[in-house]
Amino acid sequence: MKEKLKKHIEKTIPLTDDEFSFVVSHFSFEEYKKNDFIFQKGESVKNCYFIVTGLLKLVYEDQKGNQHIVSFAMEDWWESDFLAYFSGTKAKLSLQCIENTTVFSISLKNYQKLCTNFTKMERFFLKKSNSGHIASQNRILSFLTSNAKDRYEELLKQHPLLFQRVPKILLASYLGVSRETLSRFSS
């Protein structure tokens, strides 16, 4: 499992074996079952998660109890309620397993220590953060400028595996459409 984390990091920055040993010492390995919550709305978010295996959904629940999928996270992705993680506030989102999932987690304290003591990792996390901001802006723009069918086709093009792994009701929530509308797109 550690090799997957190393390979992921080395897509962005090179690491010697000793450097990786130092890096991985800041992480914890965790396993979750399908439907487990890693954290829920209102809880403290102590970690950021690198997904080794499995699939997660980040969910916002509105005041009426409607759930809105903010994002999906699968292998080789990072996920958390980043506002709660970095600010120490309570989660506004919930992170739940769609499949059995294994992750490497890093606490904010270890994240800060790693960035302070190892500038390569600071650069790595900056690049990951920038990529996340770009993806978030693109998602917002797609909701502002694209119709539901176009959003569906773009998601299918960018992440075809999601359609094999995620129930249609969750994909519909992510796209902001009903399950019936999603079924019309896919037929």
N, C-alpha and C. Protein backbone atom coordinates (compact mmCIF):
# COMPACT_ATOMS: atom_id res chain seq x y z
N MET A 1 0.81 -1.20 0.00
CA MET A 1 0.00 0.00 0.00
C MET A 1 0.86 1.27 0.00
N LYS A 2 1.96 1.22 0.72
CA LYS A 2 2.84 2.39 0.75
C LYS A 2 3.36 2.73 -0.63
N GLU A 3 3.56 1.69 -1.45
CA GLU A 3 4.07 1.91 -2.81
C GLU A 3 3.11 2.76 -3.63
N LYS A 4 1.81 2.61 -3.40
CA LYS A 4 0.83 3.41 -4.14
C LYS A 4 0.96 4.89 -3.77
N LEU A 5 1.18 5.17 -2.50
CA LEU A 5 1.38 6.55 -2.08
C LEU A 5 2.67 7.10 -2.68
N LYS A 6 3.72 6.31 -2.63
CA LYS A 6 5.00 6.75 -3.17
C LYS A 6 4.88 7.03 -4.67
N LYS A 7 4.27 6.13 -5.39
CA LYS A 7 4.10 6.30 -6.83
C LYS A 7 3.29 7.56 -7.14
N HIS A 8 2.25 7.80 -6.34
CA HIS A 8 1.42 8.98 -6.51
C HIS A 8 2.25 10.26 -6.32
N ILE A 9 2.99 10.32 -5.24
CA ILE A 9 3.80 11.51 -4.95
C ILE A 9 4.86 11.71 -6.04
N GLU A 10 5.45 10.61 -6.49
CA GLU A 10 6.52 10.70 -7.48
C GLU A 10 6.04 11.10 -8.88
N LYS A 11 4.74 11.14 -9.09
CA LYS A 11 4.23 11.71 -10.34
C LYS A 11 4.48 13.21 -10.37
N THR A 12 4.67 13.80 -9.19
CA THR A 12 4.84 15.24 -9.06
C THR A 12 6.26 15.62 -8.65
N ILE A 13 6.83 14.89 -7.69
CA ILE A 13 8.19 15.19 -7.22
C ILE A 13 8.96 13.88 -7.04
N PRO A 14 10.25 13.89 -7.33
CA PRO A 14 11.05 12.68 -7.10
C PRO A 14 11.38 12.53 -5.61
N LEU A 15 11.43 11.27 -5.14
CA LEU A 15 11.77 11.00 -3.75
C LEU A 15 12.77 9.86 -3.68
N THR A 16 13.76 10.00 -2.81
CA THR A 16 14.62 8.86 -2.52
C THR A 16 13.86 7.95 -1.55
N ASP A 17 14.37 6.75 -1.33
CA ASP A 17 13.73 5.84 -0.37
C ASP A 17 13.72 6.44 1.03
N ASP A 18 14.83 7.08 1.41
CA ASP A 18 14.89 7.71 2.74
C ASP A 18 13.89 8.86 2.86
N GLU A 19 13.77 9.65 1.80
CA GLU A 19 12.81 10.75 1.83
C GLU A 19 11.38 10.21 1.95
N PHE A 20 11.09 9.15 1.20
CA PHE A 20 9.74 8.59 1.29
C PHE A 20 9.48 8.01 2.68
N SER A 21 10.46 7.38 3.28
CA SER A 21 10.29 6.86 4.64
C SER A 21 9.94 7.99 5.60
N PHE A 22 10.59 9.13 5.44
CA PHE A 22 10.29 10.30 6.26
C PHE A 22 8.85 10.78 5.99
N VAL A 23 8.48 10.86 4.72
CA VAL A 23 7.14 11.32 4.35
C VAL A 23 6.07 10.40 4.93
N VAL A 24 6.20 9.10 4.67
CA VAL A 24 5.14 8.16 5.06
C VAL A 24 5.01 8.06 6.59
N SER A 25 6.06 8.41 7.31
CA SER A 25 5.98 8.39 8.78
C SER A 25 4.99 9.42 9.32
N HIS A 26 4.57 10.36 8.48
CA HIS A 26 3.61 11.39 8.88
C HIS A 26 2.16 10.96 8.62
N PHE A 27 1.98 9.82 7.99
CA PHE A 27 0.65 9.34 7.61
C PHE A 27 0.23 8.16 8.46
N SER A 28 -1.07 7.93 8.52
CA SER A 28 -1.66 6.72 9.12
C SER A 28 -2.43 5.98 8.04
N PHE A 29 -2.43 4.66 8.13
CA PHE A 29 -3.18 3.83 7.19
C PHE A 29 -4.50 3.43 7.85
N GLU A 30 -5.61 3.57 7.13
CA GLU A 30 -6.92 3.28 7.69
C GLU A 30 -7.76 2.50 6.68
N GLU A 31 -8.65 1.65 7.21
CA GLU A 31 -9.55 0.86 6.38
C GLU A 31 -10.99 1.14 6.81
N TYR A 32 -11.88 1.24 5.82
CA TYR A 32 -13.29 1.49 6.07
C TYR A 32 -14.13 0.53 5.24
N LYS A 33 -15.32 0.24 5.73
CA LYS A 33 -16.27 -0.61 5.02
C LYS A 33 -17.24 0.26 4.21
N LYS A 34 -17.85 -0.36 3.22
CA LYS A 34 -18.89 0.31 2.43
C LYS A 34 -19.93 0.90 3.38
N ASN A 35 -20.32 2.12 3.11
CA ASN A 35 -21.31 2.91 3.86
C ASN A 35 -20.77 3.53 5.15
N ASP A 36 -19.54 3.21 5.57
CA ASP A 36 -18.94 3.88 6.73
C ASP A 36 -18.77 5.37 6.44
N PHE A 37 -18.95 6.17 7.48
CA PHE A 37 -18.61 7.59 7.40
C PHE A 37 -17.19 7.77 7.94
N ILE A 38 -16.37 8.47 7.20
CA ILE A 38 -15.05 8.83 7.70
C ILE A 38 -15.21 10.02 8.65
N PHE A 39 -16.06 10.95 8.28
CA PHE A 39 -16.51 12.01 9.19
C PHE A 39 -17.88 12.47 8.72
N GLN A 40 -18.62 13.10 9.64
CA GLN A 40 -19.95 13.58 9.33
C GLN A 40 -20.08 15.06 9.65
N LYS A 41 -21.05 15.68 9.02
CA LYS A 41 -21.37 17.08 9.27
C LYS A 41 -21.45 17.32 10.77
N GLY A 42 -20.81 18.39 11.23
CA GLY A 42 -20.85 18.75 12.64
C GLY A 42 -19.68 18.20 13.46
N GLU A 43 -18.92 17.29 12.87
CA GLU A 43 -17.77 16.72 13.58
C GLU A 43 -16.50 17.50 13.27
N SER A 44 -15.48 17.28 14.08
CA SER A 44 -14.16 17.82 13.77
C SER A 44 -13.56 17.01 12.64
N VAL A 45 -12.82 17.68 11.77
CA VAL A 45 -12.13 17.00 10.67
C VAL A 45 -10.64 17.09 10.95
N LYS A 46 -10.10 16.00 11.44
CA LYS A 46 -8.71 16.00 11.88
C LYS A 46 -7.73 15.61 10.79
N ASN A 47 -8.24 15.03 9.67
CA ASN A 47 -7.33 14.49 8.65
C ASN A 47 -7.76 14.85 7.23
N CYS A 48 -6.77 14.77 6.36
CA CYS A 48 -6.97 14.79 4.92
C CYS A 48 -6.63 13.38 4.45
N TYR A 49 -7.31 12.90 3.40
CA TYR A 49 -7.22 11.49 3.03
C TYR A 49 -6.75 11.30 1.59
N PHE A 50 -5.78 10.42 1.44
CA PHE A 50 -5.35 9.95 0.13
C PHE A 50 -5.98 8.57 -0.07
N ILE A 51 -6.75 8.40 -1.13
CA ILE A 51 -7.48 7.15 -1.34
C ILE A 51 -6.57 6.15 -2.05
N VAL A 52 -6.33 5.03 -1.38
CA VAL A 52 -5.50 3.95 -1.94
C VAL A 52 -6.39 3.02 -2.76
N THR A 53 -7.47 2.55 -2.15
CA THR A 53 -8.46 1.72 -2.85
C THR A 53 -9.84 2.17 -2.40
N GLY A 54 -10.81 2.03 -3.28
CA GLY A 54 -12.17 2.33 -2.92
C GLY A 54 -12.69 3.61 -3.54
N LEU A 55 -13.85 4.01 -3.06
CA LEU A 55 -14.57 5.14 -3.62
C LEU A 55 -15.35 5.83 -2.51
N LEU A 56 -15.26 7.15 -2.46
CA LEU A 56 -15.92 7.97 -1.44
C LEU A 56 -16.81 9.01 -2.10
N LYS A 57 -17.77 9.51 -1.32
CA LYS A 57 -18.56 10.66 -1.75
C LYS A 57 -18.50 11.72 -0.66
N LEU A 58 -18.33 12.96 -1.08
CA LEU A 58 -18.36 14.11 -0.19
C LEU A 58 -19.73 14.74 -0.37
N VAL A 59 -20.49 14.85 0.73
CA VAL A 59 -21.90 15.21 0.65
C VAL A 59 -22.20 16.44 1.50
N TYR A 60 -23.03 17.31 0.94
CA TYR A 60 -23.59 18.43 1.69
C TYR A 60 -25.08 18.15 1.88
N GLU A 61 -25.55 18.26 3.11
CA GLU A 61 -26.97 18.08 3.39
C GLU A 61 -27.57 19.44 3.72
N ASP A 62 -28.58 19.84 2.94
CA ASP A 62 -29.19 21.15 3.17
C ASP A 62 -30.19 21.10 4.33
N GLN A 63 -30.78 22.24 4.64
CA GLN A 63 -31.67 22.34 5.80
C GLN A 63 -32.93 21.49 5.65
N LYS A 64 -33.29 21.14 4.43
CA LYS A 64 -34.46 20.30 4.18
C LYS A 64 -34.11 18.81 4.22
N GLY A 65 -32.83 18.51 4.44
CA GLY A 65 -32.41 17.11 4.48
C GLY A 65 -32.03 16.54 3.13
N ASN A 66 -32.03 17.37 2.09
CA ASN A 66 -31.63 16.91 0.76
C ASN A 66 -30.11 16.79 0.70
N GLN A 67 -29.65 15.69 0.14
CA GLN A 67 -28.20 15.48 0.03
C GLN A 67 -27.72 15.88 -1.36
N HIS A 68 -26.61 16.60 -1.38
CA HIS A 68 -26.00 17.07 -2.62
C HIS A 68 -24.57 16.53 -2.66
N ILE A 69 -24.25 15.80 -3.71
CA ILE A 69 -22.90 15.26 -3.85
C ILE A 69 -21.98 16.38 -4.33
N VAL A 70 -21.00 16.72 -3.52
CA VAL A 70 -20.03 17.75 -3.86
C VAL A 70 -18.95 17.15 -4.75
N SER A 71 -18.50 15.94 -4.40
CA SER A 71 -17.47 15.29 -5.20
C SER A 71 -17.44 13.80 -4.91
N PHE A 72 -16.82 13.09 -5.83
CA PHE A 72 -16.46 11.69 -5.65
C PHE A 72 -14.95 11.64 -5.56
N ALA A 73 -14.43 10.69 -4.81
CA ALA A 73 -12.98 10.51 -4.72
C ALA A 73 -12.67 9.03 -4.83
N MET A 74 -11.84 8.69 -5.79
CA MET A 74 -11.45 7.30 -5.97
C MET A 74 -9.94 7.19 -5.86
N GLU A 75 -9.42 6.04 -6.20
CA GLU A 75 -7.99 5.78 -6.08
C GLU A 75 -7.17 6.93 -6.67
N ASP A 76 -6.12 7.26 -5.93
CA ASP A 76 -5.15 8.28 -6.37
C ASP A 76 -5.68 9.71 -6.19
N TRP A 77 -6.77 9.89 -5.47
CA TRP A 77 -7.33 11.21 -5.22
C TRP A 77 -7.19 11.55 -3.75
N TRP A 78 -7.28 12.83 -3.44
CA TRP A 78 -7.27 13.36 -2.07
C TRP A 78 -8.65 13.92 -1.76
N GLU A 79 -9.09 13.77 -0.52
CA GLU A 79 -10.39 14.34 -0.15
C GLU A 79 -10.44 14.68 1.33
N SER A 80 -11.24 15.69 1.65
CA SER A 80 -11.55 16.09 3.02
C SER A 80 -12.57 17.21 2.95
N ASP A 81 -13.05 17.67 4.07
CA ASP A 81 -13.76 18.94 4.16
C ASP A 81 -12.63 19.93 4.46
N PHE A 82 -12.10 20.52 3.41
CA PHE A 82 -10.87 21.30 3.56
C PHE A 82 -11.05 22.55 4.42
N LEU A 83 -12.22 23.16 4.39
CA LEU A 83 -12.46 24.30 5.28
C LEU A 83 -12.34 23.87 6.73
N ALA A 84 -13.00 22.80 7.10
CA ALA A 84 -12.94 22.31 8.48
C ALA A 84 -11.54 21.84 8.85
N TYR A 85 -10.88 21.16 7.92
CA TYR A 85 -9.53 20.63 8.16
C TYR A 85 -8.53 21.75 8.44
N PHE A 86 -8.52 22.76 7.59
CA PHE A 86 -7.52 23.82 7.73
C PHE A 86 -7.88 24.87 8.77
N SER A 87 -9.18 25.06 9.04
CA SER A 87 -9.56 26.13 9.97
C SER A 87 -9.89 25.63 11.37
N GLY A 88 -10.03 24.31 11.53
CA GLY A 88 -10.37 23.77 12.83
C GLY A 88 -11.84 23.94 13.19
N THR A 89 -12.67 24.27 12.20
CA THR A 89 -14.11 24.40 12.44
C THR A 89 -14.78 23.04 12.25
N LYS A 90 -16.05 22.96 12.58
CA LYS A 90 -16.80 21.72 12.41
C LYS A 90 -17.12 21.49 10.94
N ALA A 91 -17.23 20.24 10.56
CA ALA A 91 -17.51 19.88 9.17
C ALA A 91 -18.88 20.38 8.73
N LYS A 92 -18.92 20.92 7.52
CA LYS A 92 -20.19 21.26 6.88
C LYS A 92 -20.58 20.14 5.91
N LEU A 93 -19.64 19.24 5.68
CA LEU A 93 -19.82 18.15 4.74
C LEU A 93 -19.64 16.82 5.46
N SER A 94 -20.06 15.74 4.80
CA SER A 94 -19.82 14.38 5.30
C SER A 94 -19.06 13.61 4.23
N LEU A 95 -18.15 12.74 4.67
CA LEU A 95 -17.38 11.90 3.76
C LEU A 95 -17.74 10.45 4.05
N GLN A 96 -18.34 9.79 3.04
CA GLN A 96 -18.85 8.44 3.22
C GLN A 96 -18.31 7.51 2.14
N CYS A 97 -18.09 6.26 2.53
CA CYS A 97 -17.57 5.24 1.62
C CYS A 97 -18.70 4.67 0.76
N ILE A 98 -18.50 4.66 -0.52
CA ILE A 98 -19.41 4.01 -1.46
C ILE A 98 -19.00 2.54 -1.62
N GLU A 99 -17.71 2.28 -1.45
CA GLU A 99 -17.14 0.93 -1.51
C GLU A 99 -16.25 0.74 -0.29
N ASN A 100 -15.84 -0.49 -0.02
CA ASN A 100 -14.78 -0.70 0.96
C ASN A 100 -13.59 0.14 0.53
N THR A 101 -12.99 0.83 1.47
CA THR A 101 -11.99 1.86 1.14
C THR A 101 -10.80 1.78 2.08
N THR A 102 -9.60 1.97 1.51
CA THR A 102 -8.39 2.13 2.30
C THR A 102 -7.78 3.49 1.97
N VAL A 103 -7.26 4.13 2.99
CA VAL A 103 -6.71 5.48 2.81
C VAL A 103 -5.43 5.63 3.63
N PHE A 104 -4.62 6.60 3.22
CA PHE A 104 -3.59 7.15 4.07
C PHE A 104 -4.10 8.50 4.52
N SER A 105 -4.10 8.74 5.82
CA SER A 105 -4.57 10.02 6.35
C SER A 105 -3.40 10.79 6.94
N ILE A 106 -3.54 12.11 6.87
CA ILE A 106 -2.52 12.97 7.46
C ILE A 106 -3.22 14.06 8.28
N SER A 107 -2.80 14.19 9.53
CA SER A 107 -3.36 15.23 10.40
C SER A 107 -2.83 16.59 9.96
N LEU A 108 -3.51 17.64 10.36
CA LEU A 108 -3.05 18.98 10.03
C LEU A 108 -1.68 19.25 10.65
N LYS A 109 -1.49 18.78 11.88
CA LYS A 109 -0.20 18.97 12.54
C LYS A 109 0.92 18.31 11.73
N ASN A 110 0.70 17.07 11.28
CA ASN A 110 1.72 16.38 10.49
C ASN A 110 1.88 16.99 9.10
N TYR A 111 0.80 17.46 8.53
CA TYR A 111 0.85 18.16 7.25
C TYR A 111 1.75 19.39 7.36
N GLN A 112 1.50 20.19 8.40
CA GLN A 112 2.30 21.40 8.60
C GLN A 112 3.76 21.08 8.88
N LYS A 113 3.97 20.05 9.71
CA LYS A 113 5.34 19.64 10.03
C LYS A 113 6.06 19.18 8.77
N LEU A 114 5.39 18.39 7.97
CA LEU A 114 5.99 17.88 6.74
C LEU A 114 6.31 19.02 5.77
N CYS A 115 5.41 19.96 5.62
CA CYS A 115 5.65 21.10 4.72
C CYS A 115 6.78 21.98 5.23
N THR A 116 6.86 22.16 6.54
CA THR A 116 7.91 23.00 7.12
C THR A 116 9.28 22.35 7.01
N ASN A 117 9.34 21.04 7.23
CA ASN A 117 10.63 20.35 7.29
C ASN A 117 11.08 19.73 5.98
N PHE A 118 10.22 19.76 4.96
CA PHE A 118 10.56 19.09 3.71
C PHE A 118 9.89 19.84 2.56
N THR A 119 10.63 20.80 1.99
CA THR A 119 10.03 21.71 1.00
C THR A 119 9.53 20.99 -0.25
N LYS A 120 10.09 19.84 -0.57
CA LYS A 120 9.56 19.08 -1.71
C LYS A 120 8.09 18.75 -1.50
N MET A 121 7.73 18.37 -0.29
CA MET A 121 6.33 18.03 -0.01
C MET A 121 5.46 19.28 0.02
N GLU A 122 6.01 20.38 0.43
CA GLU A 122 5.25 21.63 0.36
C GLU A 122 4.89 21.93 -1.09
N ARG A 123 5.85 21.76 -2.00
CA ARG A 123 5.59 21.95 -3.43
C ARG A 123 4.55 20.94 -3.92
N PHE A 124 4.67 19.68 -3.49
CA PHE A 124 3.72 18.65 -3.88
C PHE A 124 2.30 19.05 -3.47
N PHE A 125 2.13 19.42 -2.20
CA PHE A 125 0.79 19.78 -1.72
C PHE A 125 0.27 21.05 -2.40
N LEU A 126 1.16 21.98 -2.73
CA LEU A 126 0.74 23.19 -3.45
C LEU A 126 0.21 22.82 -4.83
N LYS A 127 0.90 21.94 -5.52
CA LYS A 127 0.44 21.51 -6.85
C LYS A 127 -0.90 20.78 -6.75
N LYS A 128 -1.06 19.92 -5.74
CA LYS A 128 -2.32 19.21 -5.55
C LYS A 128 -3.43 20.21 -5.23
N SER A 129 -3.15 21.17 -4.39
CA SER A 129 -4.13 22.18 -4.02
C SER A 129 -4.55 23.00 -5.24
N ASN A 130 -3.58 23.42 -6.04
CA ASN A 130 -3.89 24.18 -7.25
C ASN A 130 -4.76 23.36 -8.20
N SER A 131 -4.45 22.09 -8.36
CA SER A 131 -5.26 21.22 -9.22
C SER A 131 -6.69 21.12 -8.69
N GLY A 132 -6.82 21.01 -7.38
CA GLY A 132 -8.15 20.95 -6.77
C GLY A 132 -8.94 22.23 -6.99
N HIS A 133 -8.28 23.39 -6.86
CA HIS A 133 -8.96 24.67 -7.10
C HIS A 133 -9.44 24.76 -8.54
N ILE A 134 -8.59 24.35 -9.46
CA ILE A 134 -8.96 24.39 -10.88
C ILE A 134 -10.15 23.48 -11.15
N ALA A 135 -10.13 22.28 -10.59
CA ALA A 135 -11.25 21.35 -10.79
C ALA A 135 -12.54 21.93 -10.20
N SER A 136 -12.44 22.56 -9.02
CA SER A 136 -13.63 23.16 -8.40
C SER A 136 -14.18 24.30 -9.26
N GLN A 137 -13.30 25.14 -9.76
CA GLN A 137 -13.76 26.23 -10.61
C GLN A 137 -14.40 25.70 -11.89
N ASN A 138 -13.80 24.67 -12.47
CA ASN A 138 -14.39 24.09 -13.67
C ASN A 138 -15.77 23.50 -13.39
N ARG A 139 -15.93 22.88 -12.23
CA ARG A 139 -17.25 22.33 -11.86
C ARG A 139 -18.27 23.45 -11.70
N ILE A 140 -17.89 24.53 -11.04
CA ILE A 140 -18.80 25.67 -10.87
C ILE A 140 -19.16 26.25 -12.23
N LEU A 141 -18.16 26.44 -13.08
CA LEU A 141 -18.43 26.99 -14.42
C LEU A 141 -19.34 26.08 -15.23
N SER A 142 -19.19 24.77 -15.08
CA SER A 142 -20.05 23.87 -15.84
C SER A 142 -21.50 24.02 -15.40
N PHE A 143 -21.73 24.27 -14.10
CA PHE A 143 -23.10 24.48 -13.63
C PHE A 143 -23.65 25.83 -14.11
N LEU A 144 -22.78 26.80 -14.29
CA LEU A 144 -23.23 28.12 -14.73
C LEU A 144 -23.43 28.20 -16.24
N THR A 145 -22.69 27.41 -17.00
CA THR A 145 -22.67 27.59 -18.45
C THR A 145 -23.16 26.40 -19.26
N SER A 146 -23.32 25.24 -18.64
CA SER A 146 -23.69 24.03 -19.38
C SER A 146 -25.04 23.51 -18.93
N ASN A 147 -25.72 22.88 -19.85
CA ASN A 147 -26.97 22.23 -19.46
C ASN A 147 -26.64 20.85 -18.87
N ALA A 148 -27.65 20.22 -18.31
CA ALA A 148 -27.44 18.95 -17.62
C ALA A 148 -26.87 17.87 -18.53
N LYS A 149 -27.33 17.80 -19.76
CA LYS A 149 -26.84 16.79 -20.69
C LYS A 149 -25.36 17.00 -20.98
N ASP A 150 -24.95 18.24 -21.16
CA ASP A 150 -23.53 18.53 -21.41
C ASP A 150 -22.68 18.17 -20.19
N ARG A 151 -23.19 18.45 -18.98
CA ARG A 151 -22.45 18.07 -17.77
C ARG A 151 -22.30 16.56 -17.68
N TYR A 152 -23.35 15.85 -18.03
CA TYR A 152 -23.32 14.38 -18.04
C TYR A 152 -22.26 13.88 -19.02
N GLU A 153 -22.27 14.41 -20.23
CA GLU A 153 -21.31 13.96 -21.26
C GLU A 153 -19.87 14.30 -20.87
N GLU A 154 -19.66 15.43 -20.25
CA GLU A 154 -18.32 15.81 -19.81
C GLU A 154 -17.83 14.89 -18.70
N LEU A 155 -18.70 14.57 -17.74
CA LEU A 155 -18.34 13.65 -16.67
C LEU A 155 -18.03 12.27 -17.24
N LEU A 156 -18.83 11.82 -18.17
CA LEU A 156 -18.60 10.52 -18.81
C LEU A 156 -17.26 10.50 -19.53
N LYS A 157 -16.92 11.60 -20.19
CA LYS A 157 -15.65 11.69 -20.90
C LYS A 157 -14.46 11.74 -19.94
N GLN A 158 -14.59 12.52 -18.87
CA GLN A 158 -13.47 12.69 -17.93
C GLN A 158 -13.29 11.50 -16.99
N HIS A 159 -14.39 10.90 -16.55
CA HIS A 159 -14.32 9.84 -15.53
C HIS A 159 -15.26 8.69 -15.87
N PRO A 160 -15.00 7.97 -16.96
CA PRO A 160 -15.92 6.90 -17.37
C PRO A 160 -16.08 5.80 -16.32
N LEU A 161 -15.06 5.56 -15.50
CA LEU A 161 -15.15 4.51 -14.48
C LEU A 161 -16.20 4.81 -13.42
N LEU A 162 -16.47 6.09 -13.19
CA LEU A 162 -17.49 6.43 -12.20
C LEU A 162 -18.84 5.82 -12.57
N PHE A 163 -19.14 5.76 -13.85
CA PHE A 163 -20.43 5.26 -14.29
C PHE A 163 -20.58 3.76 -14.05
N GLN A 164 -19.47 3.07 -13.88
CA GLN A 164 -19.51 1.65 -13.57
C GLN A 164 -19.53 1.40 -12.07
N ARG A 165 -19.11 2.37 -11.28
CA ARG A 165 -18.92 2.17 -9.85
C ARG A 165 -19.93 2.89 -8.97
N VAL A 166 -20.58 3.91 -9.50
CA VAL A 166 -21.45 4.75 -8.69
C VAL A 166 -22.92 4.52 -9.08
N PRO A 167 -23.80 4.30 -8.10
CA PRO A 167 -25.22 4.17 -8.42
C PRO A 167 -25.76 5.41 -9.12
N LYS A 168 -26.70 5.21 -10.01
CA LYS A 168 -27.24 6.32 -10.81
C LYS A 168 -27.83 7.43 -9.94
N ILE A 169 -28.43 7.07 -8.83
CA ILE A 169 -29.03 8.09 -7.97
C ILE A 169 -27.96 9.06 -7.45
N LEU A 170 -26.75 8.55 -7.19
CA LEU A 170 -25.66 9.41 -6.72
C LEU A 170 -25.10 10.25 -7.86
N LEU A 171 -24.98 9.65 -9.04
CA LEU A 171 -24.52 10.42 -10.21
C LEU A 171 -25.50 11.55 -10.51
N ALA A 172 -26.80 11.25 -10.40
CA ALA A 172 -27.82 12.28 -10.64
C ALA A 172 -27.66 13.43 -9.65
N SER A 173 -27.44 13.11 -8.38
CA SER A 173 -27.24 14.15 -7.37
C SER A 173 -26.02 15.00 -7.70
N TYR A 174 -24.95 14.35 -8.10
CA TYR A 174 -23.71 15.08 -8.45
C TYR A 174 -23.94 16.02 -9.63
N LEU A 175 -24.73 15.57 -10.60
CA LEU A 175 -24.98 16.37 -11.80
C LEU A 175 -26.11 17.39 -11.61
N GLY A 176 -26.83 17.27 -10.49
CA GLY A 176 -27.91 18.21 -10.22
C GLY A 176 -29.16 17.92 -11.03
N VAL A 177 -29.42 16.64 -11.30
CA VAL A 177 -30.60 16.23 -12.07
C VAL A 177 -31.32 15.10 -11.33
N SER A 178 -32.51 14.79 -11.79
CA SER A 178 -33.22 13.65 -11.22
C SER A 178 -32.67 12.35 -11.80
N ARG A 179 -32.96 11.25 -11.14
CA ARG A 179 -32.52 9.94 -11.64
C ARG A 179 -33.17 9.65 -12.99
N GLU A 180 -34.42 10.07 -13.17
CA GLU A 180 -35.12 9.86 -14.43
C GLU A 180 -34.44 10.62 -15.57
N THR A 181 -34.05 11.86 -15.30
CA THR A 181 -33.35 12.64 -16.31
C THR A 181 -32.03 11.98 -16.68
N LEU A 182 -31.30 11.50 -15.67
CA LEU A 182 -30.04 10.81 -15.93
C LEU A 182 -30.28 9.57 -16.79
N SER A 183 -31.33 8.83 -16.52
CA SER A 183 -31.65 7.64 -17.30
C SER A 183 -31.91 7.99 -18.75
N ARG A 184 -32.56 9.12 -19.00
CA ARG A 184 -32.78 9.55 -20.40
C ARG A 184 -31.46 9.85 -21.10
N PHE A 185 -30.50 10.45 -20.37
CA PHE A 185 -29.20 10.75 -20.97
C PHE A 185 -28.46 9.50 -21.36
N SER A 186 -28.56 8.48 -20.53
CA SER A 186 -27.75 7.27 -20.74
C SER A 186 -28.41 6.25 -21.66
N SER A 187 -29.62 6.53 -22.13
CA SER A 187 -30.26 5.56 -23.02
C SER A 187 -30.08 5.92 -24.48
